[in-house]
Amino acid sequence: MARLYSNENFPIPVVLELRRLGHDIVTIQDRGRANEAATDPQVLAFAVTEGRAILTLNRRDFKRLHLSQPEHEGMIVCTADPDFIGQAARIHDALERTPDLRGQLSSKRLA
């Protein structure tokens, strides 16, 4: 299963469902870094250090980061969706199809 790091803005119910599905997800809150206003490059650096792909709703900024810093464990960028279980299922299915996200940006139909 995937090793993921969810950005501060990512819905916790989606994280919980992905954990239930077997994924290893760490949140910024788990690391005691909530409300620190970590910059996107800092979030990416932390994820790279831990060997985790980023899970975020911050599409524009992380797409830009992907282009400028393509050496990462992967980025999954989503849009907000109130169907948390459905969103988690789509992410899970995408991860099943592409287990190695290294250097990839994934945003197709995950929202």
N, C-alpha and C. Protein backbone atom coordinates (compact mmCIF):
# COMPACT_ATOMS: atom_id res chain seq x y z
N MET A 1 0.84 -1.19 0.00
CA MET A 1 0.00 0.00 0.00
C MET A 1 0.88 1.25 0.00
N ALA A 2 0.27 2.37 -0.33
CA ALA A 2 1.01 3.62 -0.50
C ALA A 2 1.41 4.24 0.84
N ARG A 3 2.54 4.92 0.79
CA ARG A 3 3.00 5.76 1.90
C ARG A 3 2.71 7.20 1.50
N LEU A 4 1.82 7.85 2.27
CA LEU A 4 1.34 9.18 1.90
C LEU A 4 1.52 10.18 3.04
N TYR A 5 1.59 11.44 2.65
CA TYR A 5 1.63 12.55 3.60
C TYR A 5 0.56 13.54 3.17
N SER A 6 -0.45 13.74 4.01
CA SER A 6 -1.52 14.65 3.64
C SER A 6 -1.20 16.06 4.11
N ASN A 7 -1.43 16.98 3.20
CA ASN A 7 -1.24 18.39 3.48
C ASN A 7 -2.30 18.85 4.47
N GLU A 8 -2.05 19.97 5.08
CA GLU A 8 -2.93 20.48 6.14
C GLU A 8 -4.37 20.69 5.69
N ASN A 9 -4.57 20.98 4.42
CA ASN A 9 -5.92 21.28 3.93
C ASN A 9 -6.70 20.04 3.50
N PHE A 10 -6.11 18.87 3.62
CA PHE A 10 -6.76 17.67 3.11
C PHE A 10 -7.77 17.13 4.13
N PRO A 11 -8.97 16.73 3.68
CA PRO A 11 -10.02 16.29 4.61
C PRO A 11 -9.63 15.03 5.40
N ILE A 12 -9.70 15.13 6.70
CA ILE A 12 -9.37 14.01 7.58
C ILE A 12 -10.27 12.79 7.33
N PRO A 13 -11.58 12.96 7.02
CA PRO A 13 -12.38 11.76 6.75
C PRO A 13 -11.85 10.94 5.57
N VAL A 14 -11.27 11.59 4.57
CA VAL A 14 -10.68 10.86 3.45
C VAL A 14 -9.44 10.12 3.93
N VAL A 15 -8.64 10.77 4.74
CA VAL A 15 -7.44 10.14 5.32
C VAL A 15 -7.83 8.89 6.11
N LEU A 16 -8.84 9.02 6.94
CA LEU A 16 -9.26 7.89 7.77
C LEU A 16 -9.74 6.72 6.93
N GLU A 17 -10.47 7.01 5.86
CA GLU A 17 -10.94 5.94 4.98
C GLU A 17 -9.77 5.29 4.24
N LEU A 18 -8.80 6.08 3.79
CA LEU A 18 -7.63 5.51 3.13
C LEU A 18 -6.83 4.64 4.10
N ARG A 19 -6.76 5.05 5.34
CA ARG A 19 -6.09 4.21 6.35
C ARG A 19 -6.85 2.89 6.52
N ARG A 20 -8.17 2.98 6.56
CA ARG A 20 -8.98 1.77 6.69
C ARG A 20 -8.74 0.82 5.52
N LEU A 21 -8.47 1.40 4.35
CA LEU A 21 -8.20 0.61 3.16
C LEU A 21 -6.76 0.08 3.12
N GLY A 22 -5.97 0.43 4.14
CA GLY A 22 -4.64 -0.14 4.27
C GLY A 22 -3.47 0.75 3.93
N HIS A 23 -3.72 2.01 3.61
CA HIS A 23 -2.63 2.91 3.25
C HIS A 23 -1.98 3.51 4.50
N ASP A 24 -0.69 3.76 4.40
CA ASP A 24 0.10 4.35 5.48
C ASP A 24 0.13 5.86 5.25
N ILE A 25 -0.73 6.57 5.97
CA ILE A 25 -0.85 8.02 5.78
C ILE A 25 -0.50 8.75 7.08
N VAL A 26 0.36 9.74 6.93
CA VAL A 26 0.71 10.63 8.03
C VAL A 26 0.15 12.00 7.68
N THR A 27 -0.48 12.64 8.65
CA THR A 27 -0.98 14.00 8.42
C THR A 27 -0.03 15.00 9.06
N ILE A 28 -0.15 16.21 8.61
CA ILE A 28 0.65 17.28 9.19
C ILE A 28 0.30 17.43 10.68
N GLN A 29 -0.97 17.12 11.01
CA GLN A 29 -1.40 17.17 12.41
C GLN A 29 -0.73 16.06 13.22
N ASP A 30 -0.59 14.86 12.62
CA ASP A 30 0.09 13.75 13.30
C ASP A 30 1.52 14.12 13.69
N ARG A 31 2.14 14.91 12.86
CA ARG A 31 3.53 15.30 13.10
C ARG A 31 3.65 16.53 13.99
N GLY A 32 2.51 17.01 14.52
CA GLY A 32 2.55 18.16 15.43
C GLY A 32 2.90 19.46 14.74
N ARG A 33 2.59 19.54 13.45
CA ARG A 33 2.97 20.73 12.68
C ARG A 33 1.76 21.52 12.19
N ALA A 34 0.59 21.21 12.73
CA ALA A 34 -0.62 21.94 12.32
C ALA A 34 -0.49 23.41 12.71
N ASN A 35 -1.08 24.26 11.93
CA ASN A 35 -1.11 25.71 12.18
C ASN A 35 0.26 26.36 12.17
N GLU A 36 1.26 25.70 11.62
CA GLU A 36 2.58 26.32 11.48
C GLU A 36 2.71 27.09 10.18
N ALA A 37 1.73 26.95 9.32
CA ALA A 37 1.75 27.58 8.00
C ALA A 37 3.01 27.20 7.23
N ALA A 38 3.29 25.91 7.23
CA ALA A 38 4.45 25.41 6.48
C ALA A 38 4.25 25.74 5.00
N THR A 39 5.31 26.16 4.36
CA THR A 39 5.23 26.46 2.94
C THR A 39 5.13 25.17 2.14
N ASP A 40 4.65 25.27 0.93
CA ASP A 40 4.52 24.08 0.09
C ASP A 40 5.89 23.41 -0.14
N PRO A 41 6.96 24.17 -0.39
CA PRO A 41 8.26 23.51 -0.51
C PRO A 41 8.69 22.79 0.77
N GLN A 42 8.32 23.32 1.94
CA GLN A 42 8.64 22.64 3.20
C GLN A 42 7.84 21.34 3.33
N VAL A 43 6.58 21.38 2.93
CA VAL A 43 5.74 20.17 2.97
C VAL A 43 6.34 19.12 2.04
N LEU A 44 6.73 19.53 0.85
CA LEU A 44 7.32 18.60 -0.11
C LEU A 44 8.63 18.03 0.44
N ALA A 45 9.46 18.87 1.02
CA ALA A 45 10.74 18.40 1.58
C ALA A 45 10.50 17.38 2.69
N PHE A 46 9.53 17.61 3.54
CA PHE A 46 9.23 16.66 4.60
C PHE A 46 8.78 15.32 4.01
N ALA A 47 7.89 15.39 3.02
CA ALA A 47 7.40 14.16 2.39
C ALA A 47 8.54 13.39 1.74
N VAL A 48 9.43 14.09 1.07
CA VAL A 48 10.58 13.43 0.42
C VAL A 48 11.47 12.78 1.47
N THR A 49 11.71 13.48 2.57
CA THR A 49 12.55 12.94 3.65
C THR A 49 11.98 11.64 4.19
N GLU A 50 10.66 11.55 4.29
CA GLU A 50 10.01 10.36 4.82
C GLU A 50 9.65 9.33 3.75
N GLY A 51 9.96 9.63 2.49
CA GLY A 51 9.64 8.70 1.41
C GLY A 51 8.14 8.55 1.19
N ARG A 52 7.43 9.67 1.25
CA ARG A 52 5.97 9.65 1.11
C ARG A 52 5.52 10.52 -0.05
N ALA A 53 4.45 10.11 -0.70
CA ALA A 53 3.81 10.93 -1.72
C ALA A 53 2.89 11.94 -1.04
N ILE A 54 2.76 13.10 -1.64
CA ILE A 54 1.89 14.17 -1.12
C ILE A 54 0.45 13.93 -1.53
N LEU A 55 -0.46 14.18 -0.62
CA LEU A 55 -1.90 14.13 -0.87
C LEU A 55 -2.42 15.52 -0.52
N THR A 56 -2.95 16.26 -1.51
CA THR A 56 -3.31 17.65 -1.27
C THR A 56 -4.49 18.11 -2.11
N LEU A 57 -5.11 19.18 -1.67
CA LEU A 57 -6.13 19.87 -2.45
C LEU A 57 -5.54 21.10 -3.14
N ASN A 58 -4.31 21.40 -2.85
CA ASN A 58 -3.63 22.59 -3.37
C ASN A 58 -3.08 22.29 -4.76
N ARG A 59 -3.96 22.22 -5.72
CA ARG A 59 -3.61 21.79 -7.08
C ARG A 59 -2.60 22.71 -7.76
N ARG A 60 -2.92 23.97 -7.82
CA ARG A 60 -2.10 24.91 -8.58
C ARG A 60 -0.65 24.95 -8.08
N ASP A 61 -0.48 25.11 -6.78
CA ASP A 61 0.87 25.26 -6.24
C ASP A 61 1.69 23.97 -6.33
N PHE A 62 1.04 22.82 -6.10
CA PHE A 62 1.80 21.58 -6.16
C PHE A 62 2.09 21.16 -7.61
N LYS A 63 1.24 21.54 -8.54
CA LYS A 63 1.57 21.31 -9.95
C LYS A 63 2.81 22.11 -10.33
N ARG A 64 2.87 23.34 -9.86
CA ARG A 64 4.04 24.20 -10.11
C ARG A 64 5.29 23.60 -9.45
N LEU A 65 5.14 23.13 -8.22
CA LEU A 65 6.27 22.50 -7.52
C LEU A 65 6.76 21.25 -8.25
N HIS A 66 5.83 20.47 -8.77
CA HIS A 66 6.18 19.27 -9.51
C HIS A 66 7.07 19.63 -10.71
N LEU A 67 6.73 20.70 -11.39
CA LEU A 67 7.52 21.10 -12.56
C LEU A 67 8.90 21.61 -12.17
N SER A 68 8.99 22.30 -11.04
CA SER A 68 10.28 22.85 -10.63
C SER A 68 11.13 21.89 -9.83
N GLN A 69 10.49 20.91 -9.17
CA GLN A 69 11.21 19.93 -8.34
C GLN A 69 10.66 18.53 -8.63
N PRO A 70 10.99 17.95 -9.78
CA PRO A 70 10.39 16.67 -10.16
C PRO A 70 10.90 15.45 -9.39
N GLU A 71 11.92 15.62 -8.57
CA GLU A 71 12.45 14.50 -7.78
C GLU A 71 11.68 14.41 -6.46
N HIS A 72 10.61 13.65 -6.47
CA HIS A 72 9.79 13.47 -5.26
C HIS A 72 9.16 12.08 -5.32
N GLU A 73 8.45 11.72 -4.28
CA GLU A 73 7.83 10.39 -4.19
C GLU A 73 6.45 10.33 -4.80
N GLY A 74 6.01 11.43 -5.38
CA GLY A 74 4.71 11.48 -6.03
C GLY A 74 3.82 12.55 -5.41
N MET A 75 2.89 13.03 -6.21
CA MET A 75 1.92 14.02 -5.75
C MET A 75 0.55 13.61 -6.25
N ILE A 76 -0.40 13.58 -5.35
CA ILE A 76 -1.79 13.32 -5.71
C ILE A 76 -2.54 14.59 -5.36
N VAL A 77 -2.98 15.29 -6.40
CA VAL A 77 -3.69 16.54 -6.19
C VAL A 77 -5.16 16.34 -6.54
N CYS A 78 -6.02 16.75 -5.63
CA CYS A 78 -7.46 16.53 -5.77
C CYS A 78 -8.19 17.86 -5.68
N THR A 79 -9.48 17.82 -5.98
CA THR A 79 -10.35 18.94 -5.71
C THR A 79 -11.25 18.54 -4.53
N ALA A 80 -11.81 19.53 -3.89
CA ALA A 80 -12.69 19.26 -2.75
C ALA A 80 -13.90 18.46 -3.21
N ASP A 81 -14.28 17.48 -2.40
CA ASP A 81 -15.43 16.63 -2.72
C ASP A 81 -16.08 16.24 -1.39
N PRO A 82 -17.34 16.60 -1.19
CA PRO A 82 -18.00 16.26 0.07
C PRO A 82 -18.26 14.76 0.23
N ASP A 83 -18.12 13.99 -0.85
CA ASP A 83 -18.26 12.53 -0.78
C ASP A 83 -16.91 11.94 -0.39
N PHE A 84 -16.58 12.01 0.90
CA PHE A 84 -15.27 11.59 1.38
C PHE A 84 -14.97 10.12 1.09
N ILE A 85 -15.96 9.26 1.28
CA ILE A 85 -15.76 7.83 1.04
C ILE A 85 -15.51 7.58 -0.44
N GLY A 86 -16.28 8.24 -1.30
CA GLY A 86 -16.09 8.11 -2.74
C GLY A 86 -14.74 8.62 -3.18
N GLN A 87 -14.32 9.75 -2.62
CA GLN A 87 -13.02 10.30 -2.98
C GLN A 87 -11.89 9.35 -2.55
N ALA A 88 -12.00 8.82 -1.35
CA ALA A 88 -11.00 7.86 -0.87
C ALA A 88 -10.95 6.63 -1.77
N ALA A 89 -12.12 6.16 -2.21
CA ALA A 89 -12.17 4.98 -3.09
C ALA A 89 -11.49 5.27 -4.42
N ARG A 90 -11.69 6.47 -4.98
CA ARG A 90 -11.04 6.82 -6.25
C ARG A 90 -9.53 6.91 -6.09
N ILE A 91 -9.09 7.49 -4.98
CA ILE A 91 -7.65 7.58 -4.72
C ILE A 91 -7.08 6.18 -4.56
N HIS A 92 -7.75 5.36 -3.78
CA HIS A 92 -7.31 3.98 -3.57
C HIS A 92 -7.20 3.23 -4.90
N ASP A 93 -8.22 3.35 -5.74
CA ASP A 93 -8.19 2.67 -7.04
C ASP A 93 -7.03 3.17 -7.90
N ALA A 94 -6.80 4.48 -7.89
CA ALA A 94 -5.68 5.04 -8.67
C ALA A 94 -4.35 4.52 -8.14
N LEU A 95 -4.23 4.40 -6.83
CA LEU A 95 -2.99 3.89 -6.23
C LEU A 95 -2.80 2.41 -6.55
N GLU A 96 -3.88 1.67 -6.65
CA GLU A 96 -3.79 0.26 -7.03
C GLU A 96 -3.28 0.12 -8.46
N ARG A 97 -3.72 1.02 -9.34
CA ARG A 97 -3.31 0.98 -10.75
C ARG A 97 -1.89 1.47 -10.95
N THR A 98 -1.44 2.39 -10.09
CA THR A 98 -0.11 3.00 -10.22
C THR A 98 0.57 2.97 -8.85
N PRO A 99 1.10 1.82 -8.45
CA PRO A 99 1.67 1.72 -7.10
C PRO A 99 2.96 2.54 -6.91
N ASP A 100 3.69 2.81 -8.00
CA ASP A 100 4.92 3.60 -7.87
C ASP A 100 4.67 4.99 -8.42
N LEU A 101 4.50 5.95 -7.53
CA LEU A 101 4.21 7.33 -7.92
C LEU A 101 5.46 8.19 -8.06
N ARG A 102 6.61 7.62 -7.81
CA ARG A 102 7.85 8.40 -7.78
C ARG A 102 7.97 9.31 -9.00
N GLY A 103 8.09 10.62 -8.75
CA GLY A 103 8.25 11.61 -9.79
C GLY A 103 6.99 11.92 -10.59
N GLN A 104 5.86 11.39 -10.17
CA GLN A 104 4.62 11.59 -10.93
C GLN A 104 3.66 12.55 -10.22
N LEU A 105 2.89 13.22 -11.02
CA LEU A 105 1.80 14.06 -10.53
C LEU A 105 0.51 13.39 -10.99
N SER A 106 -0.36 13.06 -10.07
CA SER A 106 -1.60 12.39 -10.40
C SER A 106 -2.77 13.26 -10.02
N SER A 107 -3.62 13.56 -11.00
CA SER A 107 -4.78 14.37 -10.69
C SER A 107 -6.01 13.95 -11.48
N LYS A 108 -5.91 12.95 -12.31
CA LYS A 108 -7.03 12.53 -13.15
C LYS A 108 -8.11 11.82 -12.35
N ARG A 109 -9.28 12.39 -12.35
CA ARG A 109 -10.47 11.78 -11.76
C ARG A 109 -10.30 11.32 -10.31
N LEU A 110 -9.55 12.08 -9.55
CA LEU A 110 -9.41 11.74 -8.13
C LEU A 110 -10.27 12.63 -7.26
N ALA A 111 -10.97 13.54 -7.87
CA ALA A 111 -11.75 14.47 -7.07
C ALA A 111 -13.21 14.15 -7.09
